[in-house]
Amino acid sequence: MAKEKRFVAVWEESTMLRGIRVLVDTQTGVHYLSLELPSGGGGVTPLLGPDGKPVITLEDVEALGKGIYGN
């Protein structure tokens, strides 16, 4: 039986200097912004909406097409 992934990447933008992704927690629906630098640095923070509250996907994450990687 395949283990379901906790986080699904739903958006990605990359350059030679950095990689940015939006990850969705499949259990809570909370969106996170992830930054990766070629030096090995980076970070993760909740993605906030205009009201200052975390962005939450209320519909099933499966409806998002299992993320940008399709797995």
C-alpha atoms as a PDB file:
ATOM      1  CA  MET A   1       0.000   0.000   0.000  1.00  0.00           C
ATOM      2  CA  ALA A   2       1.412   3.391  -1.034  1.00  0.00           C
ATOM      3  CA  LYS A   3       1.968   5.938   1.699  1.00  0.00           C
ATOM      4  CA  GLU A   4       0.209   9.242   1.008  1.00  0.00           C
ATOM      5  CA  LYS A   5       2.373  12.361   0.939  1.00  0.00           C
ATOM      6  CA  ARG A   6       1.811  14.952   3.660  1.00  0.00           C
ATOM      7  CA  PHE A   7       2.800  17.905   1.451  1.00  0.00           C
ATOM      8  CA  VAL A   8       1.966  18.515  -2.218  1.00  0.00           C
ATOM      9  CA  ALA A   9       3.697  21.176  -4.347  1.00  0.00           C
ATOM     10  CA  VAL A  10       1.007  23.134  -6.206  1.00  0.00           C
ATOM     11  CA  TRP A  11       3.146  25.960  -7.660  1.00  0.00           C
ATOM     12  CA  GLU A  12       6.824  26.422  -8.434  1.00  0.00           C
ATOM     13  CA  GLU A  13       9.085  29.125  -9.840  1.00  0.00           C
ATOM     14  CA  SER A  14      12.829  28.650 -10.210  1.00  0.00           C
ATOM     15  CA  THR A  15      15.810  30.688 -11.332  1.00  0.00           C
ATOM     16  CA  MET A  16      19.523  30.008 -11.041  1.00  0.00           C
ATOM     17  CA  LEU A  17      19.560  31.943  -7.765  1.00  0.00           C
ATOM     18  CA  ARG A  18      16.537  30.505  -5.964  1.00  0.00           C
ATOM     19  CA  GLY A  19      13.583  28.147  -6.055  1.00  0.00           C
ATOM     20  CA  ILE A  20      10.164  29.072  -4.691  1.00  0.00           C
ATOM     21  CA  ARG A  21       7.307  26.610  -4.108  1.00  0.00           C
ATOM     22  CA  VAL A  22       3.863  26.683  -2.621  1.00  0.00           C
ATOM     23  CA  LEU A  23       3.224  23.502  -0.659  1.00  0.00           C
ATOM     24  CA  VAL A  24      -0.161  22.362   0.644  1.00  0.00           C
ATOM     25  CA  ASP A  25      -0.459  20.239   3.777  1.00  0.00           C
ATOM     26  CA  THR A  26      -2.808  17.424   2.707  1.00  0.00           C
ATOM     27  CA  GLN A  27      -4.091  16.955   6.260  1.00  0.00           C
ATOM     28  CA  THR A  28      -4.839  20.574   7.200  1.00  0.00           C
ATOM     29  CA  GLY A  29      -5.107  22.343   3.814  1.00  0.00           C
ATOM     30  CA  VAL A  30      -2.694  25.081   4.989  1.00  0.00           C
ATOM     31  CA  HIS A  31      -0.466  26.569   2.252  1.00  0.00           C
ATOM     32  CA  TYR A  32       3.243  27.162   2.888  1.00  0.00           C
ATOM     33  CA  LEU A  33       5.786  29.216   0.944  1.00  0.00           C
ATOM     34  CA  SER A  34       9.137  27.437   0.594  1.00  0.00           C
ATOM     35  CA  LEU A  35      12.371  29.124  -0.541  1.00  0.00           C
ATOM     36  CA  GLU A  36      15.513  27.204  -1.495  1.00  0.00           C
ATOM     37  CA  LEU A  37      18.873  28.840  -2.245  1.00  0.00           C
ATOM     38  CA  PRO A  38      21.773  27.197  -4.115  1.00  0.00           C
ATOM     39  CA  SER A  39      23.980  27.792  -1.066  1.00  0.00           C
ATOM     40  CA  GLY A  40      21.837  25.283   0.822  1.00  0.00           C
ATOM     41  CA  GLY A  41      19.894  27.916   2.729  1.00  0.00           C
ATOM     42  CA  GLY A  42      16.181  28.506   2.610  1.00  0.00           C
ATOM     43  CA  GLY A  43      13.065  28.553   4.692  1.00  0.00           C
ATOM     44  CA  VAL A  44       9.376  27.767   5.020  1.00  0.00           C
ATOM     45  CA  THR A  45       6.561  30.015   6.236  1.00  0.00           C
ATOM     46  CA  PRO A  46       2.767  29.872   6.125  1.00  0.00           C
ATOM     47  CA  LEU A  47       1.340  31.715   3.108  1.00  0.00           C
ATOM     48  CA  LEU A  48      -0.854  34.564   4.370  1.00  0.00           C
ATOM     49  CA  GLY A  49      -3.873  36.104   2.682  1.00  0.00           C
ATOM     50  CA  PRO A  50      -4.746  39.817   2.572  1.00  0.00           C
ATOM     51  CA  ASP A  51      -6.481  39.483   5.936  1.00  0.00           C
ATOM     52  CA  GLY A  52      -3.249  38.239   7.562  1.00  0.00           C
ATOM     53  CA  LYS A  53      -4.640  34.736   8.125  1.00  0.00           C
ATOM     54  CA  PRO A  54      -3.084  31.549   6.678  1.00  0.00           C
ATOM     55  CA  VAL A  55      -4.330  30.501   3.246  1.00  0.00           C
ATOM     56  CA  ILE A  56      -6.270  27.241   3.605  1.00  0.00           C
ATOM     57  CA  THR A  57      -7.617  25.071   0.784  1.00  0.00           C
ATOM     58  CA  LEU A  58     -10.969  23.779   1.950  1.00  0.00           C
ATOM     59  CA  GLU A  59     -11.516  21.435  -0.984  1.00  0.00           C
ATOM     60  CA  ASP A  60      -9.786  18.078  -1.150  1.00  0.00           C
ATOM     61  CA  VAL A  61      -6.115  18.346  -2.195  1.00  0.00           C
ATOM     62  CA  GLU A  62      -6.746  15.487  -4.653  1.00  0.00           C
ATOM     63  CA  ALA A  63      -8.839  17.996  -6.623  1.00  0.00           C
ATOM     64  CA  LEU A  64      -5.655  20.037  -7.135  1.00  0.00           C
ATOM     65  CA  GLY A  65      -4.370  17.317  -9.439  1.00  0.00           C
ATOM     66  CA  LYS A  66      -1.944  15.871  -6.876  1.00  0.00           C
ATOM     67  CA  GLY A  67       0.308  18.894  -7.227  1.00  0.00           C
ATOM     68  CA  ILE A  68       2.542  20.015 -10.043  1.00  0.00           C
ATOM     69  CA  TYR A  69       4.448  16.736 -10.128  1.00  0.00           C
ATOM     70  CA  GLY A  70       1.390  14.499 -10.561  1.00  0.00           C
ATOM     71  CA  ASN A  71       2.448  12.111  -7.799  1.00  0.00           C
END
